[in-house]
Each structure stands twice: as structure tokens, then as C-alpha cells.
Amino acid sequence: MKYKQLYRWEHQTVIDRHRARMETDGREHMKNRPALAEHPFGIMKIQMGWLHFLMRGLEKVKAEMNLQMLSYNFQRVLKLLGIDAFKNDLKDRKKEDNDIFPAFFAVIIIKYQSL
């Protein structure tokens, strides 16, 4: 008796469902991708000089990327709120509690304005 033996990966159903979703909704998601996902990373690459990470090793690269993301998010906040509104918010927060966090950002803003 001849028979055919098929091999199937245990997670093949997940891949099949993903492929089915991509066939129905994939083009619509890919149209939105540049605006949602690629823009921030493109900006970060420009800020870093289009090159590569300066550090070596996964831990150091993660730290460098986290600092880059913090910097990007901070710039976005300043553009959306404006520097004056952000400074006023920091002053209000400083009055409420004696936290070093607002003072830290106040120093950054003063340096940022002088550029």
C-alpha cells in the first residue's frame, strides 16, 4: 500500500491564520504602516546620523536605543505642547511636590531654547 506522509509544524495554524488575514486586510494595513511605524524610526535614524549604534553589546545598544526614544518622545511633547506650556506645567508640578524630575527638565528646556 502506497501512502503519502505529510509533515506539518505544530504552529502552522497560526501562520495560516496570519496569511489569511494578510490576504484580506494586508494592503490596507501596509498603506498605514509608513505613517504609524516607520516615521519615528526614520527620524531617529536621521538624528543618529544614518549610521549605526555607537555602543557594542545588547545591553548597551538597548540603553542607547532607549535614550534615543526618550529624546524623540521629548521632542514630540515639546512640539505638541510648546515650550512655554511645558515650562508652566513644570512650575506647577514643582510647587506641588519637591521632586527632582521637573527641575531636570527645566534645565534641559533652558539649554534647548539657547540652541
N, C-alpha and C. Protein backbone atom coordinates (compact mmCIF):
# COMPACT_ATOMS: atom_id res chain seq x y z
N MET A 1 0.84 -1.18 0.00
CA MET A 1 0.00 0.00 0.00
C MET A 1 0.89 1.25 0.00
N LYS A 2 0.68 2.10 -0.97
CA LYS A 2 1.44 3.35 -1.03
C LYS A 2 0.68 4.44 -0.28
N TYR A 3 1.41 5.23 0.41
CA TYR A 3 0.78 6.36 1.10
C TYR A 3 1.75 7.54 1.07
N LYS A 4 1.18 8.71 1.30
CA LYS A 4 1.95 9.94 1.31
C LYS A 4 2.03 10.42 2.75
N GLN A 5 3.21 10.82 3.16
CA GLN A 5 3.39 11.29 4.53
C GLN A 5 3.59 12.81 4.48
N LEU A 6 2.79 13.53 5.25
CA LEU A 6 2.87 14.99 5.31
C LEU A 6 3.45 15.41 6.65
N TYR A 7 4.27 16.41 6.60
CA TYR A 7 4.83 16.97 7.82
C TYR A 7 4.28 18.38 8.00
N ARG A 8 3.82 18.67 9.18
CA ARG A 8 3.23 19.98 9.46
C ARG A 8 3.78 20.46 10.79
N TRP A 9 4.17 21.72 10.80
CA TRP A 9 4.70 22.31 12.03
C TRP A 9 3.57 22.48 13.03
N GLU A 10 3.87 22.38 14.32
CA GLU A 10 2.81 22.44 15.33
C GLU A 10 2.12 23.80 15.38
N HIS A 11 2.80 24.86 14.95
CA HIS A 11 2.22 26.20 14.97
C HIS A 11 1.79 26.65 13.57
N GLN A 12 1.64 25.73 12.66
CA GLN A 12 1.29 26.09 11.29
C GLN A 12 -0.08 26.77 11.20
N THR A 13 -1.00 26.45 12.10
CA THR A 13 -2.32 27.08 12.07
C THR A 13 -2.22 28.58 12.31
N VAL A 14 -1.29 28.99 13.16
CA VAL A 14 -1.09 30.42 13.43
C VAL A 14 -0.62 31.12 12.16
N ILE A 15 0.31 30.52 11.46
CA ILE A 15 0.81 31.10 10.22
C ILE A 15 -0.28 31.13 9.15
N ASP A 16 -1.08 30.09 9.09
CA ASP A 16 -2.18 30.05 8.11
C ASP A 16 -3.19 31.16 8.39
N ARG A 17 -3.52 31.39 9.68
CA ARG A 17 -4.45 32.47 10.02
C ARG A 17 -3.86 33.82 9.67
N HIS A 18 -2.57 33.99 9.92
CA HIS A 18 -1.91 35.26 9.59
C HIS A 18 -1.93 35.50 8.08
N ARG A 19 -1.64 34.49 7.31
CA ARG A 19 -1.66 34.64 5.85
C ARG A 19 -3.06 34.98 5.35
N ALA A 20 -4.08 34.36 5.94
CA ALA A 20 -5.46 34.66 5.54
C ALA A 20 -5.81 36.11 5.87
N ARG A 21 -5.39 36.59 7.05
CA ARG A 21 -5.64 38.00 7.42
C ARG A 21 -4.93 38.94 6.47
N MET A 22 -3.69 38.62 6.12
CA MET A 22 -2.92 39.48 5.23
C MET A 22 -3.52 39.52 3.83
N GLU A 23 -4.14 38.43 3.39
CA GLU A 23 -4.79 38.43 2.08
C GLU A 23 -6.01 39.34 2.06
N THR A 24 -6.75 39.39 3.17
CA THR A 24 -7.97 40.21 3.20
C THR A 24 -7.68 41.65 3.59
N ASP A 25 -6.89 41.87 4.63
CA ASP A 25 -6.66 43.23 5.15
C ASP A 25 -5.24 43.73 4.97
N GLY A 26 -4.38 42.94 4.38
CA GLY A 26 -2.96 43.27 4.33
C GLY A 26 -2.64 44.57 3.61
N ARG A 27 -3.27 44.81 2.48
CA ARG A 27 -2.97 46.03 1.72
C ARG A 27 -3.34 47.28 2.50
N GLU A 28 -4.46 47.23 3.20
CA GLU A 28 -4.91 48.39 3.98
C GLU A 28 -3.94 48.68 5.12
N HIS A 29 -3.47 47.63 5.80
CA HIS A 29 -2.51 47.82 6.88
C HIS A 29 -1.18 48.33 6.35
N MET A 30 -0.76 47.85 5.22
CA MET A 30 0.53 48.28 4.66
C MET A 30 0.48 49.74 4.21
N LYS A 31 -0.68 50.24 3.84
CA LYS A 31 -0.80 51.65 3.47
C LYS A 31 -0.58 52.55 4.69
N ASN A 32 -1.03 52.10 5.86
CA ASN A 32 -0.90 52.89 7.08
C ASN A 32 0.45 52.74 7.75
N ARG A 33 1.18 51.71 7.42
CA ARG A 33 2.44 51.40 8.09
C ARG A 33 3.46 52.54 8.03
N PRO A 34 3.70 53.17 6.87
CA PRO A 34 4.71 54.23 6.86
C PRO A 34 4.40 55.37 7.82
N ALA A 35 3.14 55.71 7.95
CA ALA A 35 2.78 56.83 8.84
C ALA A 35 2.85 56.44 10.30
N LEU A 36 2.53 55.20 10.61
CA LEU A 36 2.45 54.79 12.01
C LEU A 36 3.76 54.26 12.58
N ALA A 37 4.43 53.42 11.84
CA ALA A 37 5.58 52.73 12.41
C ALA A 37 6.92 53.23 11.90
N GLU A 38 7.02 53.53 10.63
CA GLU A 38 8.32 53.83 10.07
C GLU A 38 8.76 55.27 10.29
N HIS A 39 7.83 56.18 10.47
CA HIS A 39 8.20 57.59 10.64
C HIS A 39 9.09 57.83 11.86
N PRO A 40 8.70 57.35 13.05
CA PRO A 40 9.57 57.60 14.22
C PRO A 40 10.97 57.01 14.06
N PHE A 41 11.06 55.81 13.49
CA PHE A 41 12.37 55.20 13.33
C PHE A 41 13.20 55.93 12.28
N GLY A 42 12.55 56.46 11.26
CA GLY A 42 13.26 57.27 10.26
C GLY A 42 13.83 58.53 10.88
N ILE A 43 13.03 59.19 11.73
CA ILE A 43 13.51 60.40 12.42
C ILE A 43 14.68 60.06 13.32
N MET A 44 14.57 58.95 14.05
CA MET A 44 15.66 58.57 14.95
C MET A 44 16.93 58.26 14.17
N LYS A 45 16.80 57.61 13.02
CA LYS A 45 17.98 57.32 12.21
C LYS A 45 18.64 58.61 11.73
N ILE A 46 17.83 59.59 11.34
CA ILE A 46 18.38 60.88 10.90
C ILE A 46 19.14 61.54 12.06
N GLN A 47 18.52 61.53 13.26
CA GLN A 47 19.16 62.14 14.42
C GLN A 47 20.45 61.44 14.78
N MET A 48 20.52 60.15 14.55
CA MET A 48 21.72 59.39 14.90
C MET A 48 22.76 59.47 13.78
N GLY A 49 22.43 60.07 12.67
CA GLY A 49 23.40 60.23 11.60
C GLY A 49 23.34 59.14 10.55
N TRP A 50 22.23 58.41 10.47
CA TRP A 50 22.01 57.38 9.46
C TRP A 50 23.01 56.23 9.54
N LEU A 51 23.76 56.13 10.58
CA LEU A 51 24.81 55.13 10.60
C LEU A 51 24.42 53.91 11.42
N HIS A 52 24.96 53.79 12.57
CA HIS A 52 24.80 52.59 13.37
C HIS A 52 24.87 52.97 14.84
N PHE A 53 24.68 52.00 15.70
CA PHE A 53 24.81 52.25 17.14
C PHE A 53 26.27 52.49 17.49
N LEU A 54 26.48 53.35 18.46
CA LEU A 54 27.84 53.68 18.88
C LEU A 54 28.40 52.65 19.86
N MET A 55 27.51 51.98 20.57
CA MET A 55 27.93 51.01 21.58
C MET A 55 27.90 49.60 21.01
N ARG A 56 28.54 48.69 21.71
CA ARG A 56 28.52 47.28 21.34
C ARG A 56 27.94 46.47 22.49
N GLY A 57 27.29 45.40 22.15
CA GLY A 57 26.67 44.56 23.16
C GLY A 57 25.20 44.90 23.30
N LEU A 58 24.39 43.88 23.52
CA LEU A 58 22.94 44.05 23.55
C LEU A 58 22.50 45.00 24.64
N GLU A 59 23.05 44.88 25.83
CA GLU A 59 22.66 45.76 26.95
C GLU A 59 22.93 47.22 26.61
N LYS A 60 24.10 47.52 26.07
CA LYS A 60 24.47 48.90 25.75
C LYS A 60 23.65 49.44 24.58
N VAL A 61 23.39 48.59 23.59
CA VAL A 61 22.58 49.02 22.45
C VAL A 61 21.15 49.30 22.90
N LYS A 62 20.61 48.47 23.80
CA LYS A 62 19.28 48.72 24.33
C LYS A 62 19.24 50.06 25.07
N ALA A 63 20.27 50.34 25.87
CA ALA A 63 20.32 51.61 26.59
C ALA A 63 20.40 52.78 25.61
N GLU A 64 21.21 52.64 24.58
CA GLU A 64 21.35 53.71 23.59
C GLU A 64 20.01 53.94 22.85
N MET A 65 19.33 52.86 22.51
CA MET A 65 18.04 52.99 21.82
C MET A 65 17.00 53.59 22.74
N ASN A 66 17.00 53.22 24.02
CA ASN A 66 16.05 53.80 24.96
C ASN A 66 16.28 55.30 25.12
N LEU A 67 17.54 55.71 25.18
CA LEU A 67 17.81 57.15 25.26
C LEU A 67 17.36 57.87 24.00
N GLN A 68 17.56 57.24 22.86
CA GLN A 68 17.12 57.84 21.60
C GLN A 68 15.60 57.97 21.56
N MET A 69 14.88 56.96 22.05
CA MET A 69 13.42 57.02 22.08
C MET A 69 12.93 58.07 23.06
N LEU A 70 13.60 58.18 24.22
CA LEU A 70 13.24 59.21 25.18
C LEU A 70 13.42 60.59 24.58
N SER A 71 14.53 60.78 23.89
CA SER A 71 14.80 62.06 23.24
C SER A 71 13.74 62.37 22.18
N TYR A 72 13.40 61.38 21.38
CA TYR A 72 12.39 61.58 20.33
C TYR A 72 11.04 61.94 20.95
N ASN A 73 10.63 61.19 21.99
CA ASN A 73 9.34 61.46 22.64
C ASN A 73 9.33 62.84 23.29
N PHE A 74 10.44 63.24 23.87
CA PHE A 74 10.52 64.55 24.50
C PHE A 74 10.40 65.67 23.45
N GLN A 75 11.04 65.48 22.32
CA GLN A 75 10.91 66.47 21.24
C GLN A 75 9.48 66.55 20.74
N ARG A 76 8.80 65.41 20.64
CA ARG A 76 7.40 65.42 20.20
C ARG A 76 6.52 66.16 21.21
N VAL A 77 6.76 65.94 22.49
CA VAL A 77 5.98 66.64 23.53
C VAL A 77 6.19 68.14 23.41
N LEU A 78 7.44 68.55 23.23
CA LEU A 78 7.71 69.99 23.11
C LEU A 78 7.05 70.58 21.86
N LYS A 79 7.02 69.84 20.77
CA LYS A 79 6.38 70.35 19.56
C LYS A 79 4.87 70.41 19.72
N LEU A 80 4.29 69.43 20.39
CA LEU A 80 2.83 69.41 20.55
C LEU A 80 2.35 70.42 21.57
N LEU A 81 3.02 70.49 22.72
CA LEU A 81 2.59 71.40 23.78
C LEU A 81 3.15 72.81 23.59
N GLY A 82 4.35 72.88 23.12
CA GLY A 82 5.05 74.16 23.08
C GLY A 82 5.91 74.30 24.32
N ILE A 83 6.99 75.02 24.20
CA ILE A 83 7.93 75.14 25.31
C ILE A 83 7.32 75.91 26.47
N ASP A 84 6.59 76.98 26.17
CA ASP A 84 6.01 77.79 27.26
C ASP A 84 5.00 76.99 28.07
N ALA A 85 4.13 76.25 27.41
CA ALA A 85 3.14 75.44 28.14
C ALA A 85 3.84 74.37 28.97
N PHE A 86 4.89 73.79 28.44
CA PHE A 86 5.61 72.75 29.17
C PHE A 86 6.31 73.35 30.39
N LYS A 87 6.92 74.54 30.22
CA LYS A 87 7.57 75.20 31.36
C LYS A 87 6.56 75.54 32.45
N ASN A 88 5.39 76.02 32.05
CA ASN A 88 4.35 76.34 33.04
C ASN A 88 3.90 75.10 33.79
N ASP A 89 3.76 74.00 33.08
CA ASP A 89 3.38 72.75 33.73
C ASP A 89 4.45 72.30 34.72
N LEU A 90 5.72 72.47 34.36
CA LEU A 90 6.80 72.10 35.27
C LEU A 90 6.79 72.97 36.52
N LYS A 91 6.52 74.27 36.35
CA LYS A 91 6.45 75.17 37.50
C LYS A 91 5.32 74.75 38.44
N ASP A 92 4.17 74.40 37.87
CA ASP A 92 3.04 73.96 38.70
C ASP A 92 3.37 72.67 39.44
N ARG A 93 4.03 71.76 38.77
CA ARG A 93 4.40 70.50 39.40
C ARG A 93 5.43 70.72 40.50
N LYS A 94 6.33 71.68 40.29
CA LYS A 94 7.38 71.94 41.28
C LYS A 94 6.76 72.51 42.56
N LYS A 95 5.71 73.30 42.42
CA LYS A 95 5.04 73.86 43.59
C LYS A 95 4.33 72.76 44.39
N GLU A 96 3.80 71.76 43.67
CA GLU A 96 3.04 70.71 44.32
C GLU A 96 3.92 69.76 45.14
N ASP A 97 5.04 69.37 44.61
CA ASP A 97 5.91 68.43 45.32
C ASP A 97 7.37 68.76 45.03
N ASN A 98 8.22 68.41 45.92
CA ASN A 98 9.65 68.67 45.77
C ASN A 98 10.29 67.48 45.07
N ASP A 99 10.08 67.37 43.80
CA ASP A 99 10.61 66.27 43.00
C ASP A 99 11.72 66.82 42.11
N ILE A 100 12.75 66.05 41.90
CA ILE A 100 13.86 66.50 41.06
C ILE A 100 13.52 66.41 39.58
N PHE A 101 12.53 65.61 39.23
CA PHE A 101 12.16 65.40 37.83
C PHE A 101 11.82 66.70 37.10
N PRO A 102 10.95 67.57 37.62
CA PRO A 102 10.68 68.83 36.91
C PRO A 102 11.91 69.72 36.78
N ALA A 103 12.75 69.74 37.81
CA ALA A 103 13.96 70.56 37.74
C ALA A 103 14.89 70.07 36.64
N PHE A 104 14.97 68.78 36.48
CA PHE A 104 15.80 68.18 35.43
C PHE A 104 15.35 68.65 34.06
N PHE A 105 14.04 68.60 33.81
CA PHE A 105 13.52 69.02 32.51
C PHE A 105 13.62 70.54 32.34
N ALA A 106 13.53 71.28 33.41
CA ALA A 106 13.68 72.73 33.30
C ALA A 106 15.07 73.08 32.80
N VAL A 107 16.09 72.37 33.27
CA VAL A 107 17.47 72.61 32.81
C VAL A 107 17.59 72.25 31.33
N ILE A 108 16.97 71.16 30.92
CA ILE A 108 17.01 70.76 29.51
C ILE A 108 16.34 71.81 28.64
N ILE A 109 15.22 72.33 29.08
CA ILE A 109 14.49 73.33 28.27
C ILE A 109 15.30 74.60 28.14
N ILE A 110 15.95 75.03 29.20
CA ILE A 110 16.76 76.24 29.13
C ILE A 110 17.88 76.05 28.11
N LYS A 111 18.52 74.90 28.11
CA LYS A 111 19.56 74.63 27.13
C LYS A 111 18.98 74.52 25.72
N TYR A 112 17.79 73.91 25.62
CA TYR A 112 17.14 73.71 24.32
C TYR A 112 16.78 75.06 23.69
N GLN A 113 16.34 76.02 24.50
CA GLN A 113 15.95 77.32 23.98
C GLN A 113 17.18 78.12 23.49
N SER A 114 18.32 77.88 24.08
CA SER A 114 19.50 78.65 23.69
C SER A 114 20.10 78.17 22.38
N LEU A 115 19.69 77.02 21.88
CA LEU A 115 20.23 76.48 20.61
C LEU A 115 19.68 77.23 19.42
